[in-house]
Structures are given as C-alpha cells and as structure tokens.
C-alpha cells in the first residue's frame, strides 16, 4: 500500500479481499497507522507523491 501512496495514490481498491477476510479494510487502516507511528509521521498525506522528491 505504501508504495502506491509514495507514487501519488490517495486511494486503493481492496473490495475483493473482503470476500476472503472481512476485516481487510480495518487491517489496512491499522497497518497504515502503525507505519506512520514507526516512521514518526503525523499524517499519511506526508508521503503521498513522495517519489517526486526522492
């Protein structure tokens, strides 16, 4: 997911994954929150489009 954000994505599609695991959306949210915490980011928007400056 993070790689999509770095290249500019603000949304991802995970609908089909919900058929296999109904908790997919919440796992994604928690994963993004954990990532932000580990990287000391106050907001996920700080990485959107980050590849332009890398």
N, C-alpha and C. Protein backbone atom coordinates (compact mmCIF):
# COMPACT_ATOMS: atom_id res chain seq x y z
N UNK A 1 0.80 -1.19 0.00
CA UNK A 1 0.00 0.00 0.00
C UNK A 1 0.85 1.26 0.00
N UNK A 2 1.87 1.26 0.83
CA UNK A 2 2.69 2.46 0.97
C UNK A 2 3.31 2.85 -0.36
N UNK A 3 3.74 1.87 -1.15
CA UNK A 3 4.35 2.20 -2.44
C UNK A 3 3.37 2.93 -3.35
N UNK A 4 2.10 2.56 -3.31
CA UNK A 4 1.10 3.27 -4.10
C UNK A 4 0.99 4.73 -3.65
N UNK A 5 1.03 4.94 -2.34
CA UNK A 5 0.95 6.31 -1.81
C UNK A 5 2.16 7.13 -2.23
N UNK A 6 3.33 6.53 -2.17
CA UNK A 6 4.55 7.26 -2.50
C UNK A 6 4.52 7.75 -3.94
N UNK A 7 3.90 6.99 -4.84
CA UNK A 7 3.84 7.43 -6.23
C UNK A 7 2.62 8.29 -6.52
N UNK A 8 1.84 8.62 -5.49
CA UNK A 8 0.76 9.59 -5.66
C UNK A 8 -0.65 9.11 -5.40
N UNK A 9 -0.84 7.82 -5.14
CA UNK A 9 -2.21 7.33 -4.92
C UNK A 9 -2.78 7.83 -3.60
N UNK A 10 -4.03 8.22 -3.63
CA UNK A 10 -4.72 8.64 -2.41
C UNK A 10 -5.77 7.61 -1.99
N UNK A 11 -5.97 6.61 -2.84
CA UNK A 11 -6.95 5.56 -2.54
C UNK A 11 -6.46 4.26 -3.15
N UNK A 12 -6.91 3.16 -2.57
CA UNK A 12 -6.62 1.84 -3.11
C UNK A 12 -7.92 1.05 -3.14
N UNK A 13 -7.96 0.01 -3.94
CA UNK A 13 -9.14 -0.83 -4.03
C UNK A 13 -8.85 -2.13 -3.32
N UNK A 14 -9.64 -2.46 -2.34
CA UNK A 14 -9.44 -3.71 -1.60
C UNK A 14 -10.74 -4.48 -1.45
N UNK A 15 -11.72 -4.15 -2.25
CA UNK A 15 -13.05 -4.76 -2.13
C UNK A 15 -13.07 -6.27 -2.23
N UNK A 16 -12.38 -6.83 -3.22
CA UNK A 16 -12.40 -8.28 -3.42
C UNK A 16 -11.75 -9.01 -2.25
N UNK A 17 -10.78 -8.38 -1.62
CA UNK A 17 -10.11 -9.01 -0.47
C UNK A 17 -11.08 -9.23 0.68
N UNK A 18 -12.14 -8.44 0.74
CA UNK A 18 -13.12 -8.59 1.82
C UNK A 18 -13.90 -9.90 1.75
N UNK A 19 -13.92 -10.53 0.57
CA UNK A 19 -14.59 -11.82 0.46
C UNK A 19 -13.79 -12.89 1.20
N UNK A 20 -12.47 -12.74 1.21
CA UNK A 20 -11.60 -13.70 1.89
C UNK A 20 -11.46 -13.35 3.36
N UNK A 21 -11.30 -12.06 3.64
CA UNK A 21 -11.12 -11.59 5.02
C UNK A 21 -11.95 -10.33 5.22
N UNK A 22 -13.10 -10.44 5.87
CA UNK A 22 -13.98 -9.28 6.06
C UNK A 22 -13.35 -8.13 6.85
N UNK A 23 -12.23 -8.39 7.51
CA UNK A 23 -11.57 -7.35 8.29
C UNK A 23 -10.46 -6.64 7.52
N UNK A 24 -10.38 -6.88 6.23
CA UNK A 24 -9.31 -6.31 5.41
C UNK A 24 -9.19 -4.81 5.54
N UNK A 25 -10.28 -4.09 5.42
CA UNK A 25 -10.24 -2.63 5.47
C UNK A 25 -9.65 -2.13 6.78
N UNK A 26 -10.08 -2.71 7.88
CA UNK A 26 -9.56 -2.28 9.18
C UNK A 26 -8.09 -2.66 9.35
N UNK A 27 -7.69 -3.80 8.80
CA UNK A 27 -6.28 -4.19 8.86
C UNK A 27 -5.41 -3.22 8.08
N UNK A 28 -5.91 -2.74 6.96
CA UNK A 28 -5.18 -1.75 6.16
C UNK A 28 -5.04 -0.45 6.96
N UNK A 29 -6.14 0.00 7.53
CA UNK A 29 -6.11 1.24 8.32
C UNK A 29 -5.12 1.12 9.47
N UNK A 30 -5.19 0.01 10.20
CA UNK A 30 -4.28 -0.17 11.34
C UNK A 30 -2.83 -0.28 10.87
N UNK A 31 -2.62 -0.94 9.73
CA UNK A 31 -1.28 -1.05 9.18
C UNK A 31 -0.70 0.31 8.80
N UNK A 32 -1.53 1.15 8.21
CA UNK A 32 -1.07 2.50 7.84
C UNK A 32 -0.79 3.33 9.09
N UNK A 33 -1.63 3.17 10.10
CA UNK A 33 -1.39 3.89 11.36
C UNK A 33 -0.09 3.43 12.02
N UNK A 34 0.16 2.13 12.00
CA UNK A 34 1.41 1.59 12.56
C UNK A 34 2.62 2.11 11.80
N UNK A 35 2.50 2.14 10.46
CA UNK A 35 3.59 2.65 9.64
C UNK A 35 3.90 4.11 9.99
N UNK A 36 2.86 4.92 10.07
CA UNK A 36 3.05 6.33 10.41
C UNK A 36 3.71 6.48 11.77
N UNK A 37 3.31 5.67 12.71
CA UNK A 37 3.89 5.73 14.05
C UNK A 37 5.37 5.36 14.01
N UNK A 38 5.71 4.26 13.33
CA UNK A 38 7.10 3.82 13.24
C UNK A 38 7.98 4.85 12.56
N UNK A 39 7.44 5.49 11.52
CA UNK A 39 8.21 6.47 10.74
C UNK A 39 8.09 7.88 11.29
N UNK A 40 7.38 8.01 12.40
CA UNK A 40 7.19 9.31 13.06
C UNK A 40 6.54 10.34 12.11
N UNK A 41 5.53 9.87 11.40
CA UNK A 41 4.76 10.74 10.50
C UNK A 41 3.47 11.14 11.22
N UNK A 42 3.16 12.40 11.20
CA UNK A 42 1.94 12.85 11.85
C UNK A 42 0.71 12.62 10.98
N UNK A 43 0.94 12.37 9.68
CA UNK A 43 -0.18 12.26 8.74
C UNK A 43 0.28 11.46 7.53
N UNK A 44 -0.53 10.51 7.08
CA UNK A 44 -0.18 9.68 5.92
C UNK A 44 -0.01 10.54 4.66
N UNK A 45 -0.66 11.69 4.63
CA UNK A 45 -0.56 12.56 3.46
C UNK A 45 0.86 13.07 3.23
N UNK A 46 1.71 12.99 4.24
CA UNK A 46 3.09 13.45 4.10
C UNK A 46 3.89 12.61 3.12
N UNK A 47 3.47 11.37 2.85
CA UNK A 47 4.22 10.54 1.91
C UNK A 47 3.61 10.49 0.52
N UNK A 48 2.39 10.99 0.35
CA UNK A 48 1.74 10.92 -0.95
C UNK A 48 2.53 11.75 -1.95
N UNK A 49 2.91 11.08 -3.03
CA UNK A 49 3.68 11.74 -4.07
C UNK A 49 5.14 11.94 -3.70
N UNK A 50 5.60 11.26 -2.66
CA UNK A 50 6.97 11.42 -2.19
C UNK A 50 8.04 11.02 -3.19
N UNK A 51 7.70 10.19 -4.16
CA UNK A 51 8.71 9.76 -5.12
C UNK A 51 9.17 10.92 -6.01
N UNK A 52 8.40 11.97 -6.07
CA UNK A 52 8.79 13.13 -6.89
C UNK A 52 10.02 13.81 -6.32
N UNK A 53 10.21 13.67 -5.00
CA UNK A 53 11.34 14.35 -4.36
C UNK A 53 12.44 13.39 -3.96
N UNK A 54 12.26 12.11 -4.25
CA UNK A 54 13.25 11.11 -3.86
C UNK A 54 14.33 10.99 -4.92
